[in-house]
Amino acid sequence: MLNHKRLAILVVMGTLLATPALTKDKAADKGCLLEGTVQVTAPKRKEVAPKEERDDLFGDDSYGQTYGHQGYAVPKAPHPLPEEIVLFLKKVPGKYAPPKDHVQLDQKYLQFTHRVLPILKGTTVDFTNHDPVYHNVFSNSKTNHFDLGRKRHGAKASVVMDHSEVPVRVYCEIHSAMKSNILVLDNPFFTVVQPGQKFKIPNIPPGTYTLVAWHDYWKPVEKKITVKSGTTTSVDIVLSRVRN
């Protein structure tokens, strides 16, 4: 039979061996899920199709030589860009390393490939020209200013977005109708959906935050939300107004 002293030792050892597994389970249970739906009741965007770019529109072949048109027409986009709504959380505590993979914001059919592009602060954005004409992509942002200069078909340039800013407005110096918005965010708790779609943002630290639904044409909406450990929080967002 075991004496009381040896029994006590075995009980202590068993407790120590079980502790790491319990701690790991609790740590894994701390992430919270935020989900919901985004509806839009505001008027639709009035699409303005970019003008077809040809040398003969300008009556001077020097334009084509300077900007790389060389008599080519830019193909029309097969369909309009989708409306992209970014959902993100403000002021989530913690330090978050930017991804090693680059994010793409290309030029194609005389437009950017995204109306809105959310990224984590410190992310590198690649800009590639897929059009048979020159583009000159730039932003006049005070904190994330850049000017890529004239880039011909196939040329790529990269920019590291080091400073948080919502939004960094992006333009083409040659084609005034080209516009995009980069949202440089402090944390990775964001996602992109289209009107009527459901969204999910997982692994959020427990707490109370401001959820923002951001769109370049419809007026953004903010809501206070509280997420609790090991639970799912549901919220519905309605964008009902157009920006002034």
Protein backbone atom coordinates (compact mmCIF):
# COMPACT_ATOMS: atom_id res chain seq x y z
CA MET A 1 0.00 0.00 0.00
CA LEU A 2 1.12 3.57 -0.69
CA ASN A 3 1.88 5.70 2.31
CA HIS A 4 0.41 9.17 2.57
CA LYS A 5 3.68 10.90 1.61
CA ARG A 6 4.12 8.96 -1.67
CA LEU A 7 0.43 9.43 -2.52
CA ALA A 8 0.75 13.18 -2.10
CA ILE A 9 3.79 13.25 -4.43
CA LEU A 10 1.93 11.30 -7.13
CA VAL A 11 -1.06 13.67 -6.90
CA VAL A 12 1.20 16.72 -7.33
CA MET A 13 2.99 15.13 -10.32
CA GLY A 14 -0.32 14.30 -11.97
CA THR A 15 -1.51 17.89 -11.55
CA LEU A 16 1.69 19.29 -13.09
CA LEU A 17 1.45 16.96 -16.08
CA ALA A 18 -2.17 17.97 -16.73
CA THR A 19 -1.62 21.73 -16.42
CA PRO A 20 -0.05 22.46 -19.88
CA ALA A 21 -2.95 20.80 -21.73
CA LEU A 22 -5.51 22.83 -19.78
CA THR A 23 -3.61 26.07 -20.42
CA LYS A 24 -3.36 25.35 -24.14
CA ASP A 25 -7.10 24.66 -24.38
CA LYS A 26 -7.94 27.94 -22.66
CA ALA A 27 -5.57 29.92 -24.89
CA ALA A 28 -7.08 28.38 -28.01
CA ASP A 29 -10.57 29.30 -26.81
CA LYS A 30 -9.91 33.05 -26.52
CA GLY A 31 -10.47 33.97 -30.18
CA CYS A 32 -13.82 35.55 -31.06
CA LEU A 33 -15.77 35.45 -34.31
CA LEU A 34 -17.59 38.47 -35.70
CA GLU A 35 -20.06 37.83 -38.49
CA GLY A 36 -22.95 39.57 -40.21
CA THR A 37 -24.42 40.90 -43.43
CA VAL A 38 -23.95 44.16 -45.33
CA GLN A 39 -26.99 45.60 -47.10
CA VAL A 40 -27.10 48.69 -49.31
CA THR A 41 -30.23 50.82 -49.65
CA ALA A 42 -28.43 53.90 -51.00
CA PRO A 43 -28.68 54.78 -54.71
CA LYS A 44 -26.38 52.87 -57.05
CA ARG A 45 -23.20 54.37 -58.38
CA LYS A 46 -23.51 56.12 -61.72
CA GLU A 47 -20.92 54.38 -63.86
CA VAL A 48 -18.79 56.55 -66.11
CA ALA A 49 -17.06 54.43 -68.73
CA PRO A 50 -13.46 55.47 -69.46
CA LYS A 51 -12.93 56.98 -72.89
CA GLU A 52 -11.34 54.71 -75.45
CA GLU A 53 -7.70 55.71 -75.85
CA ARG A 54 -6.50 56.06 -79.46
CA ASP A 55 -3.80 58.16 -81.03
CA ASP A 56 -6.28 59.52 -83.58
CA LEU A 57 -8.36 61.05 -80.78
CA PHE A 58 -5.66 63.63 -80.28
CA GLY A 59 -4.81 64.45 -83.89
CA ASP A 60 -1.11 64.32 -83.11
CA ASP A 61 0.97 61.18 -83.38
CA SER A 62 3.52 62.63 -80.95
CA TYR A 63 1.06 61.81 -78.14
CA GLY A 64 1.11 58.16 -79.11
CA GLN A 65 4.89 58.10 -79.31
CA THR A 66 5.27 59.83 -75.94
CA TYR A 67 2.77 57.71 -74.01
CA GLY A 68 3.21 54.41 -75.81
CA HIS A 69 -0.15 54.17 -77.59
CA GLN A 70 1.39 53.24 -80.95
CA GLY A 71 -2.05 53.20 -82.58
CA TYR A 72 -3.53 50.58 -80.25
CA ALA A 73 -6.99 50.88 -78.73
CA VAL A 74 -7.39 49.83 -75.12
CA PRO A 75 -9.86 46.91 -74.87
CA LYS A 76 -13.06 47.66 -73.02
CA ALA A 77 -13.59 45.99 -69.66
CA PRO A 78 -15.82 42.88 -69.99
CA HIS A 79 -17.82 43.96 -66.92
CA PRO A 80 -17.80 46.78 -64.35
CA LEU A 81 -15.66 46.45 -61.26
CA PRO A 82 -17.62 44.97 -58.33
CA GLU A 83 -18.62 47.23 -55.47
CA GLU A 84 -16.25 46.40 -52.62
CA ILE A 85 -17.11 47.19 -49.00
CA VAL A 86 -14.34 46.91 -46.43
CA LEU A 87 -15.20 45.96 -42.86
CA PHE A 88 -12.50 46.61 -40.28
CA LEU A 89 -12.04 47.09 -36.54
CA LYS A 90 -10.47 50.18 -35.00
CA LYS A 91 -7.86 50.12 -32.24
CA VAL A 92 -7.43 46.41 -31.63
CA PRO A 93 -4.46 46.11 -29.21
CA GLY A 94 -1.35 44.20 -30.26
CA LYS A 95 1.53 44.32 -32.71
CA TYR A 96 0.96 42.74 -36.11
CA ALA A 97 3.70 41.96 -38.62
CA PRO A 98 2.85 42.73 -42.26
CA PRO A 99 2.62 39.79 -44.69
CA LYS A 100 5.67 38.81 -46.73
CA ASP A 101 3.52 38.39 -49.85
CA HIS A 102 2.85 41.52 -51.86
CA VAL A 103 -0.64 42.80 -52.65
CA GLN A 104 -1.62 43.71 -56.22
CA LEU A 105 -3.28 46.92 -57.43
CA ASP A 106 -2.88 46.72 -61.20
CA GLN A 107 -4.02 48.88 -64.09
CA LYS A 108 -6.20 47.16 -66.68
CA TYR A 109 -8.87 48.46 -69.09
CA LEU A 110 -8.00 52.04 -68.06
CA GLN A 111 -8.97 51.40 -64.45
CA PHE A 112 -7.45 50.00 -61.28
CA THR A 113 -8.27 46.39 -60.46
CA HIS A 114 -9.85 47.42 -57.13
CA ARG A 115 -11.93 50.39 -56.12
CA VAL A 116 -10.94 49.76 -52.50
CA LEU A 117 -7.97 47.76 -51.23
CA PRO A 118 -7.48 47.09 -47.48
CA ILE A 119 -3.97 46.18 -46.30
CA LEU A 120 -2.08 45.86 -43.04
CA LYS A 121 0.38 48.65 -42.29
CA GLY A 122 3.82 47.80 -43.70
CA THR A 123 2.45 45.77 -46.63
CA THR A 124 4.09 46.12 -50.05
CA VAL A 125 1.72 46.96 -52.91
CA ASP A 126 2.70 46.08 -56.50
CA PHE A 127 1.40 48.18 -59.39
CA THR A 128 1.59 46.51 -62.83
CA ASN A 129 0.44 48.10 -66.07
CA HIS A 130 -1.54 45.65 -68.23
CA ASP A 131 -2.72 48.27 -70.74
CA PRO A 132 -1.07 49.01 -74.11
CA VAL A 133 -0.65 52.65 -73.01
CA TYR A 134 1.40 54.43 -70.38
CA HIS A 135 0.11 55.04 -66.85
CA ASN A 136 1.55 57.28 -64.17
CA VAL A 137 0.21 56.09 -60.81
CA PHE A 138 0.54 58.44 -57.85
CA SER A 139 -0.94 59.50 -54.52
CA ASN A 140 -0.85 63.00 -53.06
CA SER A 141 -1.21 61.59 -49.53
CA LYS A 142 0.87 63.46 -46.95
CA THR A 143 1.86 60.30 -45.06
CA ASN A 144 2.02 57.70 -47.87
CA HIS A 145 2.96 59.92 -50.81
CA PHE A 146 4.34 58.26 -53.95
CA ASP A 147 4.70 58.90 -57.68
CA LEU A 148 5.66 55.93 -59.84
CA GLY A 149 6.33 57.92 -62.99
CA ARG A 150 5.33 56.84 -66.49
CA LYS A 151 5.19 53.05 -66.81
CA ARG A 152 4.67 51.24 -70.11
CA HIS A 153 2.82 47.97 -70.71
CA GLY A 154 4.19 45.19 -68.48
CA ALA A 155 6.13 47.50 -66.17
CA LYS A 156 5.79 46.99 -62.42
CA ALA A 157 6.60 49.23 -59.48
CA SER A 158 6.22 48.59 -55.75
CA VAL A 159 5.42 50.78 -52.75
CA VAL A 160 5.64 49.92 -49.04
CA MET A 161 2.73 51.46 -47.13
CA ASP A 162 4.35 52.27 -43.79
CA HIS A 163 1.78 54.58 -42.24
CA SER A 164 -1.81 53.97 -41.18
CA GLU A 165 -4.24 56.00 -43.27
CA VAL A 166 -7.88 55.69 -44.38
CA PRO A 167 -7.87 56.19 -47.26
CA VAL A 168 -4.76 56.64 -49.40
CA ARG A 169 -6.29 57.95 -52.61
CA VAL A 170 -4.61 56.67 -55.77
CA TYR A 171 -4.81 58.24 -59.24
CA CYS A 172 -3.29 58.12 -62.70
CA GLU A 173 -1.71 61.38 -63.82
CA ILE A 174 -2.48 60.57 -67.48
CA HIS A 175 -6.06 59.23 -67.14
CA SER A 176 -8.09 61.36 -64.75
CA ALA A 177 -11.01 58.88 -64.51
CA MET A 178 -8.77 56.25 -62.86
CA LYS A 179 -9.18 56.22 -59.07
CA SER A 180 -8.67 53.76 -56.24
CA ASN A 181 -8.44 53.80 -52.44
CA ILE A 182 -5.95 51.92 -50.27
CA LEU A 183 -6.95 51.51 -46.62
CA VAL A 184 -3.76 51.12 -44.58
CA LEU A 185 -4.91 49.53 -41.32
CA ASP A 186 -3.28 48.94 -37.92
CA ASN A 187 -4.50 45.38 -37.47
CA PRO A 188 -5.42 42.36 -39.62
CA PHE A 189 -9.05 42.18 -38.49
CA PHE A 190 -10.69 43.22 -41.74
CA THR A 191 -12.44 41.68 -44.73
CA VAL A 192 -14.04 42.67 -48.06
CA VAL A 193 -17.58 41.85 -49.22
CA GLN A 194 -20.03 42.94 -51.86
CA PRO A 195 -23.55 44.29 -51.11
CA GLY A 196 -25.83 41.62 -49.65
CA GLN A 197 -23.00 39.27 -48.79
CA LYS A 198 -22.21 37.81 -45.39
CA PHE A 199 -18.88 38.57 -43.74
CA LYS A 200 -16.74 36.87 -41.11
CA ILE A 201 -13.79 38.22 -39.12
CA PRO A 202 -12.28 35.45 -36.95
CA ASN A 203 -9.78 35.25 -34.06
CA ILE A 204 -10.51 38.70 -32.62
CA PRO A 205 -9.19 39.38 -29.11
CA PRO A 206 -12.08 39.85 -26.64
CA GLY A 207 -13.06 43.47 -26.15
CA THR A 208 -15.20 46.39 -27.28
CA TYR A 209 -14.33 47.99 -30.61
CA THR A 210 -15.66 50.18 -33.40
CA LEU A 211 -16.61 48.26 -36.53
CA VAL A 212 -16.37 50.34 -39.73
CA ALA A 213 -18.05 49.51 -43.04
CA TRP A 214 -16.11 51.62 -45.58
CA HIS A 215 -17.01 52.31 -49.21
CA ASP A 216 -15.73 54.91 -51.63
CA TYR A 217 -19.17 55.97 -52.96
CA TRP A 218 -21.60 55.16 -50.15
CA LYS A 219 -21.21 56.89 -46.81
CA PRO A 220 -19.32 54.66 -44.32
CA VAL A 221 -21.08 53.35 -41.22
CA GLU A 222 -19.58 52.78 -37.74
CA LYS A 223 -20.95 50.55 -34.97
CA LYS A 224 -19.77 49.74 -31.46
CA ILE A 225 -19.47 46.00 -30.96
CA THR A 226 -18.40 43.79 -28.07
CA VAL A 227 -16.87 40.37 -28.69
CA LYS A 228 -16.51 37.85 -25.88
CA SER A 229 -14.14 34.92 -25.49
CA GLY A 230 -15.22 31.76 -27.29
CA THR A 231 -18.41 33.31 -28.69
CA THR A 232 -19.79 34.48 -32.04
CA THR A 233 -21.07 38.05 -32.31
CA SER A 234 -23.54 38.93 -35.08
CA VAL A 235 -24.11 42.40 -36.50
CA ASP A 236 -25.93 43.69 -39.56
CA ILE A 237 -24.80 46.80 -41.43
CA VAL A 238 -26.88 48.99 -43.76
CA LEU A 239 -25.31 51.61 -46.03
CA SER A 240 -28.17 54.02 -46.67
CA ARG A 241 -26.54 57.22 -47.91
CA VAL A 242 -24.28 58.42 -50.70
CA ARG A 243 -21.19 60.42 -49.80
CA ASN A 244 -21.57 64.19 -50.08
